């Protein structure tokens, strides 16, 4: 029987961080990279410049708690897909494999 995918628990910041850490540790190295890039893309969605990041302390904390409501209940594959659809103002994130 296949192991059930870990889903993000957004009931609190602490629960989100804990379930995120379990999720990241449960996937392969290749998927982990995609997952981390997706989280960054979701965090940067709607940001149009580095100036916005510098001027907004909230944007300077890239973490799952900041976007937990957007990824509540999602598994790694769903978060990766959401990251791929995120509009990050022309910010290009390239992964190296």
PDB file of N, CA and C in Angstrom:
ATOM      1  N   UNK A   1       0.850  -1.183   0.000  1.00  0.00           N
ATOM      2  CA  UNK A   1       0.000   0.000   0.000  1.00  0.00           C
ATOM      3  C   UNK A   1       0.894   1.245   0.000  1.00  0.00           C
ATOM      4  N   UNK A   2       0.596   2.190  -0.840  1.00  0.00           N
ATOM      5  CA  UNK A   2       1.389   3.413  -0.949  1.00  0.00           C
ATOM      6  C   UNK A   2       1.183   4.281   0.279  1.00  0.00           C
ATOM      7  N   UNK A   3       2.270   4.929   0.691  1.00  0.00           N
ATOM      8  CA  UNK A   3       2.206   5.836   1.829  1.00  0.00           C
ATOM      9  C   UNK A   3       1.405   7.073   1.438  1.00  0.00           C
ATOM     10  N   UNK A   4       0.511   7.505   2.324  1.00  0.00           N
ATOM     11  CA  UNK A   4      -0.316   8.674   2.031  1.00  0.00           C
ATOM     12  C   UNK A   4       0.545   9.927   2.030  1.00  0.00           C
ATOM     13  N   UNK A   5       0.308  10.797   1.057  1.00  0.00           N
ATOM     14  CA  UNK A   5       1.070  12.037   0.935  1.00  0.00           C
ATOM     15  C   UNK A   5       0.806  12.945   2.134  1.00  0.00           C
ATOM     16  N   UNK A   6       1.848  13.619   2.572  1.00  0.00           N
ATOM     17  CA  UNK A   6       1.722  14.587   3.659  1.00  0.00           C
ATOM     18  C   UNK A   6       1.050  15.837   3.101  1.00  0.00           C
ATOM     19  N   UNK A   7       0.074  16.331   3.821  1.00  0.00           N
ATOM     20  CA  UNK A   7      -0.638  17.550   3.415  1.00  0.00           C
ATOM     21  C   UNK A   7      -0.313  18.660   4.410  1.00  0.00           C
ATOM     22  N   UNK A   8      -0.310  19.875   3.914  1.00  0.00           N
ATOM     23  CA  UNK A   8       0.055  20.996   4.770  1.00  0.00           C
ATOM     24  C   UNK A   8      -1.070  21.318   5.754  1.00  0.00           C
ATOM     25  N   UNK A   9      -0.735  21.327   7.023  1.00  0.00           N
ATOM     26  CA  UNK A   9      -1.673  21.657   8.100  1.00  0.00           C
ATOM     27  C   UNK A   9      -1.543  23.159   8.374  1.00  0.00           C
ATOM     28  N   UNK A  10      -2.544  23.920   8.017  1.00  0.00           N
ATOM     29  CA  UNK A  10      -2.499  25.375   8.173  1.00  0.00           C
ATOM     30  C   UNK A  10      -3.285  25.848   9.388  1.00  0.00           C
ATOM     31  N   UNK A  11      -3.505  24.971  10.361  1.00  0.00           N
ATOM     32  CA  UNK A  11      -4.299  25.349  11.528  1.00  0.00           C
ATOM     33  C   UNK A  11      -3.595  26.388  12.406  1.00  0.00           C
ATOM     34  N   UNK A  12      -2.276  26.486  12.290  1.00  0.00           N
ATOM     35  CA  UNK A  12      -1.495  27.504  12.998  1.00  0.00           C
ATOM     36  C   UNK A  12      -0.148  27.629  12.287  1.00  0.00           C
ATOM     37  N   UNK A  13       0.587  28.690  12.598  1.00  0.00           N
ATOM     38  CA  UNK A  13       1.912  28.848  12.004  1.00  0.00           C
ATOM     39  C   UNK A  13       2.810  27.675  12.379  1.00  0.00           C
ATOM     40  N   UNK A  14       2.757  27.258  13.649  1.00  0.00           N
ATOM     41  CA  UNK A  14       3.599  26.154  14.115  1.00  0.00           C
ATOM     42  C   UNK A  14       3.234  24.841  13.408  1.00  0.00           C
ATOM     43  N   UNK A  15       1.935  24.593  13.237  1.00  0.00           N
ATOM     44  CA  UNK A  15       1.491  23.377  12.545  1.00  0.00           C
ATOM     45  C   UNK A  15       1.933  23.413  11.086  1.00  0.00           C
ATOM     46  N   UNK A  16       1.861  24.587  10.464  1.00  0.00           N
ATOM     47  CA  UNK A  16       2.282  24.727   9.067  1.00  0.00           C
ATOM     48  C   UNK A  16       3.772  24.445   8.938  1.00  0.00           C
ATOM     49  N   UNK A  17       4.571  25.024   9.825  1.00  0.00           N
ATOM     50  CA  UNK A  17       6.023  24.801   9.780  1.00  0.00           C
ATOM     51  C   UNK A  17       6.352  23.327   9.995  1.00  0.00           C
ATOM     52  N   UNK A  18       5.687  22.701  10.953  1.00  0.00           N
ATOM     53  CA  UNK A  18       5.945  21.294  11.260  1.00  0.00           C
ATOM     54  C   UNK A  18       5.566  20.380  10.096  1.00  0.00           C
ATOM     55  N   UNK A  19       4.382  20.584   9.531  1.00  0.00           N
ATOM     56  CA  UNK A  19       3.964  19.727   8.426  1.00  0.00           C
ATOM     57  C   UNK A  19       4.811  20.012   7.179  1.00  0.00           C
ATOM     58  N   UNK A  20       5.240  21.262   6.984  1.00  0.00           N
ATOM     59  CA  UNK A  20       6.117  21.617   5.863  1.00  0.00           C
ATOM     60  C   UNK A  20       7.454  20.865   5.986  1.00  0.00           C
ATOM     61  N   UNK A  21       8.036  20.887   7.190  1.00  0.00           N
ATOM     62  CA  UNK A  21       9.312  20.192   7.400  1.00  0.00           C
ATOM     63  C   UNK A  21       9.169  18.695   7.131  1.00  0.00           C
ATOM     64  N   UNK A  22       8.079  18.093   7.601  1.00  0.00           N
ATOM     65  CA  UNK A  22       7.852  16.668   7.344  1.00  0.00           C
ATOM     66  C   UNK A  22       7.698  16.413   5.850  1.00  0.00           C
ATOM     67  N   UNK A  23       6.972  17.307   5.159  1.00  0.00           N
ATOM     68  CA  UNK A  23       6.757  17.162   3.727  1.00  0.00           C
ATOM     69  C   UNK A  23       8.088  17.234   2.976  1.00  0.00           C
ATOM     70  N   UNK A  24       8.889  18.234   3.276  1.00  0.00           N
ATOM     71  CA  UNK A  24      10.171  18.430   2.588  1.00  0.00           C
ATOM     72  C   UNK A  24      11.086  17.224   2.811  1.00  0.00           C
ATOM     73  N   UNK A  25      11.096  16.708   4.022  1.00  0.00           N
ATOM     74  CA  UNK A  25      11.967  15.562   4.332  1.00  0.00           C
ATOM     75  C   UNK A  25      11.471  14.251   3.722  1.00  0.00           C
ATOM     76  N   UNK A  26      10.203  14.201   3.335  1.00  0.00           N
ATOM     77  CA  UNK A  26       9.623  12.944   2.849  1.00  0.00           C
ATOM     78  C   UNK A  26       9.801  12.729   1.344  1.00  0.00           C
ATOM     79  N   UNK A  27      10.263  13.748   0.626  1.00  0.00           N
ATOM     80  CA  UNK A  27      10.351  13.646  -0.832  1.00  0.00           C
ATOM     81  C   UNK A  27      11.797  13.457  -1.285  1.00  0.00           C
ATOM     82  N   UNK A  28      11.951  13.044  -2.533  1.00  0.00           N
ATOM     83  CA  UNK A  28      13.284  12.854  -3.111  1.00  0.00           C
ATOM     84  C   UNK A  28      14.010  14.194  -3.211  1.00  0.00           C
ATOM     85  N   UNK A  29      15.317  14.143  -3.429  1.00  0.00           N
ATOM     86  CA  UNK A  29      16.114  15.369  -3.556  1.00  0.00           C
ATOM     87  C   UNK A  29      15.615  16.222  -4.717  1.00  0.00           C
ATOM     88  N   UNK A  30      15.293  15.598  -5.841  1.00  0.00           N
ATOM     89  CA  UNK A  30      14.819  16.345  -7.012  1.00  0.00           C
ATOM     90  C   UNK A  30      13.481  17.029  -6.716  1.00  0.00           C
ATOM     91  N   UNK A  31      12.569  16.296  -6.059  1.00  0.00           N
ATOM     92  CA  UNK A  31      11.267  16.883  -5.746  1.00  0.00           C
ATOM     93  C   UNK A  31      11.420  17.941  -4.655  1.00  0.00           C
ATOM     94  N   UNK A  32      12.350  17.752  -3.735  1.00  0.00           N
ATOM     95  CA  UNK A  32      12.582  18.733  -2.674  1.00  0.00           C
ATOM     96  C   UNK A  32      12.968  20.074  -3.287  1.00  0.00           C
ATOM     97  N   UNK A  33      13.841  20.049  -4.297  1.00  0.00           N
ATOM     98  CA  UNK A  33      14.251  21.284  -4.956  1.00  0.00           C
ATOM     99  C   UNK A  33      13.043  21.962  -5.604  1.00  0.00           C
ATOM    100  N   UNK A  34      12.223  21.195  -6.291  1.00  0.00           N
ATOM    101  CA  UNK A  34      11.027  21.756  -6.940  1.00  0.00           C
ATOM    102  C   UNK A  34      10.062  22.325  -5.905  1.00  0.00           C
ATOM    103  N   UNK A  35       9.928  21.639  -4.780  1.00  0.00           N
ATOM    104  CA  UNK A  35       9.031  22.071  -3.719  1.00  0.00           C
ATOM    105  C   UNK A  35       9.499  23.384  -3.102  1.00  0.00           C
ATOM    106  N   UNK A  36      10.792  23.496  -2.853  1.00  0.00           N
ATOM    107  CA  UNK A  36      11.340  24.720  -2.273  1.00  0.00           C
ATOM    108  C   UNK A  36      11.232  25.896  -3.244  1.00  0.00           C
ATOM    109  N   UNK A  37      11.469  25.641  -4.525  1.00  0.00           N
ATOM    110  CA  UNK A  37      11.315  26.690  -5.537  1.00  0.00           C
ATOM    111  C   UNK A  37       9.847  27.117  -5.608  1.00  0.00           C
ATOM    112  N   UNK A  38       8.927  26.161  -5.548  1.00  0.00           N
ATOM    113  CA  UNK A  38       7.491  26.482  -5.592  1.00  0.00           C
ATOM    114  C   UNK A  38       7.101  27.357  -4.408  1.00  0.00           C
ATOM    115  N   UNK A  39       7.607  27.046  -3.226  1.00  0.00           N
ATOM    116  CA  UNK A  39       7.300  27.842  -2.043  1.00  0.00           C
ATOM    117  C   UNK A  39       7.813  29.271  -2.237  1.00  0.00           C
ATOM    118  N   UNK A  40       8.983  29.419  -2.813  1.00  0.00           N
ATOM    119  CA  UNK A  40       9.526  30.747  -3.088  1.00  0.00           C
ATOM    120  C   UNK A  40       8.658  31.480  -4.115  1.00  0.00           C
ATOM    121  N   UNK A  41       8.247  30.778  -5.159  1.00  0.00           N
ATOM    122  CA  UNK A  41       7.389  31.394  -6.183  1.00  0.00           C
ATOM    123  C   UNK A  41       6.059  31.855  -5.586  1.00  0.00           C
ATOM    124  N   UNK A  42       5.482  31.047  -4.731  1.00  0.00           N
ATOM    125  CA  UNK A  42       4.211  31.407  -4.097  1.00  0.00           C
ATOM    126  C   UNK A  42       4.413  32.625  -3.189  1.00  0.00           C
ATOM    127  N   UNK A  43       5.524  32.645  -2.449  1.00  0.00           N
ATOM    128  CA  UNK A  43       5.832  33.792  -1.594  1.00  0.00           C
ATOM    129  C   UNK A  43       6.021  35.071  -2.398  1.00  0.00           C
ATOM    130  N   UNK A  44       6.574  34.945  -3.601  1.00  0.00           N
ATOM    131  CA  UNK A  44       6.876  36.122  -4.424  1.00  0.00           C
ATOM    132  C   UNK A  44       5.750  36.522  -5.365  1.00  0.00           C
ATOM    133  N   UNK A  45       4.671  35.776  -5.363  1.00  0.00           N
ATOM    134  CA  UNK A  45       3.585  36.099  -6.282  1.00  0.00           C
ATOM    135  C   UNK A  45       3.101  37.529  -6.061  1.00  0.00           C
ATOM    136  N   UNK A  46       3.014  38.270  -7.160  1.00  0.00           N
ATOM    137  CA  UNK A  46       2.558  39.656  -7.113  1.00  0.00           C
ATOM    138  C   UNK A  46       3.650  40.664  -6.835  1.00  0.00           C
ATOM    139  N   UNK A  47       4.852  40.210  -6.497  1.00  0.00           N
ATOM    140  CA  UNK A  47       5.969  41.119  -6.250  1.00  0.00           C
ATOM    141  C   UNK A  47       6.565  41.505  -7.598  1.00  0.00           C
ATOM    142  N   UNK A  48       6.710  42.803  -7.819  1.00  0.00           N
ATOM    143  CA  UNK A  48       7.186  43.282  -9.110  1.00  0.00           C
ATOM    144  C   UNK A  48       8.637  43.737  -9.117  1.00  0.00           C
ATOM    145  N   UNK A  49       9.226  43.928  -7.932  1.00  0.00           N
ATOM    146  CA  UNK A  49      10.613  44.394  -7.910  1.00  0.00           C
ATOM    147  C   UNK A  49      11.283  44.058  -6.586  1.00  0.00           C
ATOM    148  N   UNK A  50      12.600  44.061  -6.616  1.00  0.00           N
ATOM    149  CA  UNK A  50      13.368  43.857  -5.385  1.00  0.00           C
ATOM    150  C   UNK A  50      13.096  45.007  -4.414  1.00  0.00           C
ATOM    151  N   UNK A  51      12.791  46.175  -4.943  1.00  0.00           N
ATOM    152  CA  UNK A  51      12.483  47.339  -4.111  1.00  0.00           C
ATOM    153  C   UNK A  51      11.284  47.046  -3.196  1.00  0.00           C
ATOM    154  N   UNK A  52      10.290  46.354  -3.722  1.00  0.00           N
ATOM    155  CA  UNK A  52       9.129  45.980  -2.910  1.00  0.00           C
ATOM    156  C   UNK A  52       9.549  45.090  -1.746  1.00  0.00           C
ATOM    157  N   UNK A  53      10.442  44.148  -2.014  1.00  0.00           N
ATOM    158  CA  UNK A  53      10.900  43.223  -0.973  1.00  0.00           C
ATOM    159  C   UNK A  53      11.660  43.988   0.107  1.00  0.00           C
ATOM    160  N   UNK A  54      12.546  44.891  -0.309  1.00  0.00           N
ATOM    161  CA  UNK A  54      13.338  45.675   0.638  1.00  0.00           C
ATOM    162  C   UNK A  54      12.437  46.546   1.503  1.00  0.00           C
ATOM    163  N   UNK A  55      11.381  47.084   0.918  1.00  0.00           N
ATOM    164  CA  UNK A  55      10.507  47.993   1.641  1.00  0.00           C
ATOM    165  C   UNK A  55       9.426  47.334   2.482  1.00  0.00           C
ATOM    166  N   UNK A  56       9.287  46.029   2.390  1.00  0.00           N
ATOM    167  CA  UNK A  56       8.215  45.332   3.107  1.00  0.00           C
ATOM    168  C   UNK A  56       8.796  44.191   3.935  1.00  0.00           C
ATOM    169  N   UNK A  57       8.928  44.394   5.245  1.00  0.00           N
ATOM    170  CA  UNK A  57       9.514  43.349   6.100  1.00  0.00           C
ATOM    171  C   UNK A  57       8.790  42.000   5.990  1.00  0.00           C
ATOM    172  N   UNK A  58       7.484  42.034   5.711  1.00  0.00           N
ATOM    173  CA  UNK A  58       6.722  40.790   5.563  1.00  0.00           C
ATOM    174  C   UNK A  58       7.268  39.958   4.404  1.00  0.00           C
ATOM    175  N   UNK A  59       7.688  40.625   3.327  1.00  0.00           N
ATOM    176  CA  UNK A  59       8.219  39.921   2.158  1.00  0.00           C
ATOM    177  C   UNK A  59       9.631  39.395   2.391  1.00  0.00           C
ATOM    178  N   UNK A  60      10.289  39.852   3.432  1.00  0.00           N
ATOM    179  CA  UNK A  60      11.660  39.438   3.704  1.00  0.00           C
ATOM    180  C   UNK A  60      11.715  38.110   4.461  1.00  0.00           C
ATOM    181  N   UNK A  61      10.575  37.613   4.877  1.00  0.00           N
ATOM    182  CA  UNK A  61      10.507  36.335   5.596  1.00  0.00           C
ATOM    183  C   UNK A  61       9.854  35.300   4.692  1.00  0.00           C
ATOM    184  N   UNK A  62      10.666  34.651   3.895  1.00  0.00           N
ATOM    185  CA  UNK A  62      10.132  33.611   3.018  1.00  0.00           C
ATOM    186  C   UNK A  62       9.959  32.348   3.841  1.00  0.00           C
ATOM    187  N   UNK A  63       8.746  32.027   4.125  1.00  0.00           N
ATOM    188  CA  UNK A  63       8.466  30.834   4.894  1.00  0.00           C
ATOM    189  C   UNK A  63       7.063  30.352   4.601  1.00  0.00           C
ATOM    190  N   UNK A  64       6.811  29.138   4.984  1.00  0.00           N
ATOM    191  CA  UNK A  64       5.518  28.542   4.701  1.00  0.00           C
ATOM    192  C   UNK A  64       4.411  29.212   5.512  1.00  0.00           C
ATOM    193  N   UNK A  65       4.727  29.709   6.711  1.00  0.00           N
ATOM    194  CA  UNK A  65       3.686  30.331   7.541  1.00  0.00           C
ATOM    195  C   UNK A  65       3.080  31.549   6.852  1.00  0.00           C
ATOM    196  N   UNK A  66       3.886  32.266   6.080  1.00  0.00           N
ATOM    197  CA  UNK A  66       3.409  33.468   5.376  1.00  0.00           C
ATOM    198  C   UNK A  66       2.341  33.134   4.342  1.00  0.00           C
ATOM    199  N   UNK A  67       2.402  31.943   3.757  1.00  0.00           N
ATOM    200  CA  UNK A  67       1.473  31.564   2.686  1.00  0.00           C
ATOM    201  C   UNK A  67       0.625  30.343   3.049  1.00  0.00           C
ATOM    202  N   UNK A  68       0.585  30.012   4.326  1.00  0.00           N
ATOM    203  CA  UNK A  68      -0.080  28.768   4.750  1.00  0.00           C
ATOM    204  C   UNK A  68      -1.542  28.683   4.326  1.00  0.00           C
ATOM    205  N   UNK A  69      -2.231  29.808   4.315  1.00  0.00           N
ATOM    206  CA  UNK A  69      -3.647  29.779   3.928  1.00  0.00           C
ATOM    207  C   UNK A  69      -3.824  29.458   2.445  1.00  0.00           C
ATOM    208  N   UNK A  70      -2.838  29.785   1.633  1.00  0.00           N
ATOM    209  CA  UNK A  70      -2.911  29.501   0.195  1.00  0.00           C
ATOM    210  C   UNK A  70      -2.596  28.047  -0.110  1.00  0.00           C
ATOM    211  N   UNK A  71      -1.841  27.393   0.768  1.00  0.00           N
ATOM    212  CA  UNK A  71      -1.434  26.006   0.498  1.00  0.00           C
ATOM    213  C   UNK A  71      -2.049  25.016   1.492  1.00  0.00           C
ATOM    214  N   UNK A  72      -3.012  25.481   2.256  1.00  0.00           N
ATOM    215  CA  UNK A  72      -3.673  24.638   3.258  1.00  0.00           C
ATOM    216  C   UNK A  72      -4.221  23.366   2.630  1.00  0.00           C
ATOM    217  N   UNK A  73      -3.876  22.222   3.193  1.00  0.00           N
ATOM    218  CA  UNK A  73      -4.399  20.937   2.745  1.00  0.00           C
ATOM    219  C   UNK A  73      -3.753  20.372   1.495  1.00  0.00           C
ATOM    220  N   UNK A  74      -2.815  21.107   0.897  1.00  0.00           N
ATOM    221  CA  UNK A  74      -2.175  20.628  -0.333  1.00  0.00           C
ATOM    222  C   UNK A  74      -1.025  19.682  -0.019  1.00  0.00           C
ATOM    223  N   UNK A  75      -0.749  18.766  -0.952  1.00  0.00           N
ATOM    224  CA  UNK A  75       0.424  17.902  -0.825  1.00  0.00           C
ATOM    225  C   UNK A  75       1.556  18.494  -1.669  1.00  0.00           C
ATOM    226  N   UNK A  76       2.707  17.845  -1.673  1.00  0.00           N
ATOM    227  CA  UNK A  76       3.889  18.375  -2.370  1.00  0.00           C
ATOM    228  C   UNK A  76       3.622  18.614  -3.850  1.00  0.00           C
ATOM    229  N   UNK A  77       3.005  17.654  -4.524  1.00  0.00           N
ATOM    230  CA  UNK A  77       2.747  17.814  -5.961  1.00  0.00           C
ATOM    231  C   UNK A  77       1.821  18.994  -6.230  1.00  0.00           C
ATOM    232  N   UNK A  78       0.827  19.172  -5.376  1.00  0.00           N
ATOM    233  CA  UNK A  78      -0.116  20.275  -5.550  1.00  0.00           C
ATOM    234  C   UNK A  78       0.549  21.628  -5.292  1.00  0.00           C
ATOM    235  N   UNK A  79       1.457  21.677  -4.323  1.00  0.00           N
ATOM    236  CA  UNK A  79       2.185  22.916  -4.042  1.00  0.00           C
ATOM    237  C   UNK A  79       3.118  23.245  -5.208  1.00  0.00           C
ATOM    238  N   UNK A  80       3.773  22.229  -5.769  1.00  0.00           N
ATOM    239  CA  UNK A  80       4.641  22.434  -6.929  1.00  0.00           C
ATOM    240  C   UNK A  80       3.825  22.978  -8.103  1.00  0.00           C
ATOM    241  N   UNK A  81       2.652  22.423  -8.329  1.00  0.00           N
ATOM    242  CA  UNK A  81       1.782  22.892  -9.418  1.00  0.00           C
ATOM    243  C   UNK A  81       1.335  24.328  -9.173  1.00  0.00           C
ATOM    244  N   UNK A  82       0.966  24.646  -7.945  1.00  0.00           N
ATOM    245  CA  UNK A  82       0.553  26.008  -7.611  1.00  0.00           C
ATOM    246  C   UNK A  82       1.702  26.982  -7.829  1.00  0.00           C
ATOM    247  N   UNK A  83       2.902  26.596  -7.433  1.00  0.00           N
ATOM    248  CA  UNK A  83       4.080  27.444  -7.650  1.00  0.00           C
ATOM    249  C   UNK A  83       4.304  27.714  -9.127  1.00  0.00           C
ATOM    250  N   UNK A  84       4.062  26.719  -9.950  1.00  0.00           N
ATOM    251  CA  UNK A  84       4.230  26.881 -11.389  1.00  0.00           C
ATOM    252  C   UNK A  84       3.229  27.849 -11.993  1.00  0.00           C
ATOM    253  N   UNK A  85       2.089  27.999 -11.332  1.00  0.00           N
ATOM    254  CA  UNK A  85       1.054  28.917 -11.823  1.00  0.00           C
ATOM    255  C   UNK A  85       1.174  30.311 -11.204  1.00  0.00           C
ATOM    256  N   UNK A  86       2.010  30.441 -10.183  1.00  0.00           N
ATOM    257  CA  UNK A  86       2.143  31.728  -9.477  1.00  0.00           C
ATOM    258  C   UNK A  86       2.745  32.775 -10.394  1.00  0.00           C
ATOM    259  N   UNK A  87       2.182  33.951 -10.345  1.00  0.00           N
ATOM    260  CA  UNK A  87       2.682  35.082 -11.132  1.00  0.00           C
ATOM    261  C   UNK A  87       3.592  35.893 -10.229  1.00  0.00           C
ATOM    262  N   UNK A  88       4.887  35.857 -10.515  1.00  0.00           N
ATOM    263  CA  UNK A  88       5.827  36.566  -9.658  1.00  0.00           C
ATOM    264  C   UNK A  88       6.468  37.723 -10.383  1.00  0.00           C
ATOM    265  N   UNK A  89       5.675  38.491 -11.084  1.00  0.00           N
ATOM    266  CA  UNK A  89       6.125  39.746 -11.644  1.00  0.00           C
ATOM    267  C   UNK A  89       7.365  39.672 -12.495  1.00  0.00           C
ATOM    268  N   UNK A  90       7.525  38.606 -13.233  1.00  0.00           N
ATOM    269  CA  UNK A  90       8.685  38.501 -14.098  1.00  0.00           C
ATOM    270  C   UNK A  90       9.921  37.972 -13.389  1.00  0.00           C
ATOM    271  N   UNK A  91       9.790  37.613 -12.124  1.00  0.00           N
ATOM    272  CA  UNK A  91      10.922  37.030 -11.408  1.00  0.00           C
ATOM    273  C   UNK A  91      11.140  35.644 -11.980  1.00  0.00           C
ATOM    274  N   UNK A  92      12.354  35.367 -12.397  1.00  0.00           N
ATOM    275  CA  UNK A  92      12.647  34.070 -12.973  1.00  0.00           C
ATOM    276  C   UNK A  92      13.508  33.287 -11.993  1.00  0.00           C
ATOM    277  N   UNK A  93      13.043  32.104 -11.669  1.00  0.00           N
ATOM    278  CA  UNK A  93      13.778  31.233 -10.765  1.00  0.00           C
ATOM    279  C   UNK A  93      14.136  30.000 -11.561  1.00  0.00           C
ATOM    280  N   UNK A  94      15.422  29.754 -11.683  1.00  0.00           N
ATOM    281  CA  UNK A  94      15.875  28.613 -12.466  1.00  0.00           C
ATOM    282  C   UNK A  94      16.543  27.610 -11.537  1.00  0.00           C
ATOM    283  N   UNK A  95      16.133  26.367 -11.639  1.00  0.00           N
ATOM    284  CA  UNK A  95      16.764  25.346 -10.820  1.00  0.00           C
ATOM    285  C   UNK A  95      17.867  24.678 -11.621  1.00  0.00           C
ATOM    286  N   UNK A  96      18.868  24.221 -10.902  1.00  0.00           N
ATOM    287  CA  UNK A  96      20.003  23.546 -11.519  1.00  0.00           C
ATOM    288  C   UNK A  96      19.908  22.075 -11.167  1.00  0.00           C
ATOM    289  N   UNK A  97      19.915  21.233 -12.175  1.00  0.00           N
ATOM    290  CA  UNK A  97      19.827  19.797 -11.910  1.00  0.00           C
ATOM    291  C   UNK A  97      21.070  19.108 -12.364  1.00  0.00           C
TER     292      UNK A  97
END
